[in-house]
């Protein structure tokens, strides 16, 4: 068994590797460039939404408030039949390229996934374990942390499966990088 304090270096290095890899994926490879589609008549739709002054948050249309009786009502069902049915996230107004806070949160998330990979691997394997065993435990744990949560977006909110699978592929890359960092820096 290896404690978390003995694994601070692979935790940090794995988080840095994943952070850099995600930057390369999103800035240079651009295979996520078509994850979202443009709405018809974007300017008119933006103007219409602007007139409602919708605060930042997550919304659903039509809205049932989680009440099963409302969801069963004919009025609700008719709204859904007429459409559109919308799951929508509204961001605060401002510069969409000022991503400093999101990048900081992403790096923190990378650290959290690495801590979980360290905890599980450190509980399963002793110091001096061979590279491949460390690689398996750390990589599988990191893959779970980076990839599996994407599936519900397609299951429940009808996100395109291609978008989900691209994000799961990213999670595989991040898991492999985490595995490599842990295998390389595992204590003797």
Foldseek 3Di string as FASTA:
>chain_A
DADLVLCPQLLLQLLVVLLVVVCCCVPPVPPCVPLDDADPPNVVVVVVVVVVVDDFDWDWPPDDPPDVVSCPDPVRVVRVVVDDTDIDGDDDDDDPPPCVVVSVVSSVLSSVLLSQLCVQLPVVDPFPDALVSSLVSSLVSQLCSQQDVLVVCCVPVVRDVVSNVVSSVSSNVSSNSSSNSCSVSGHD
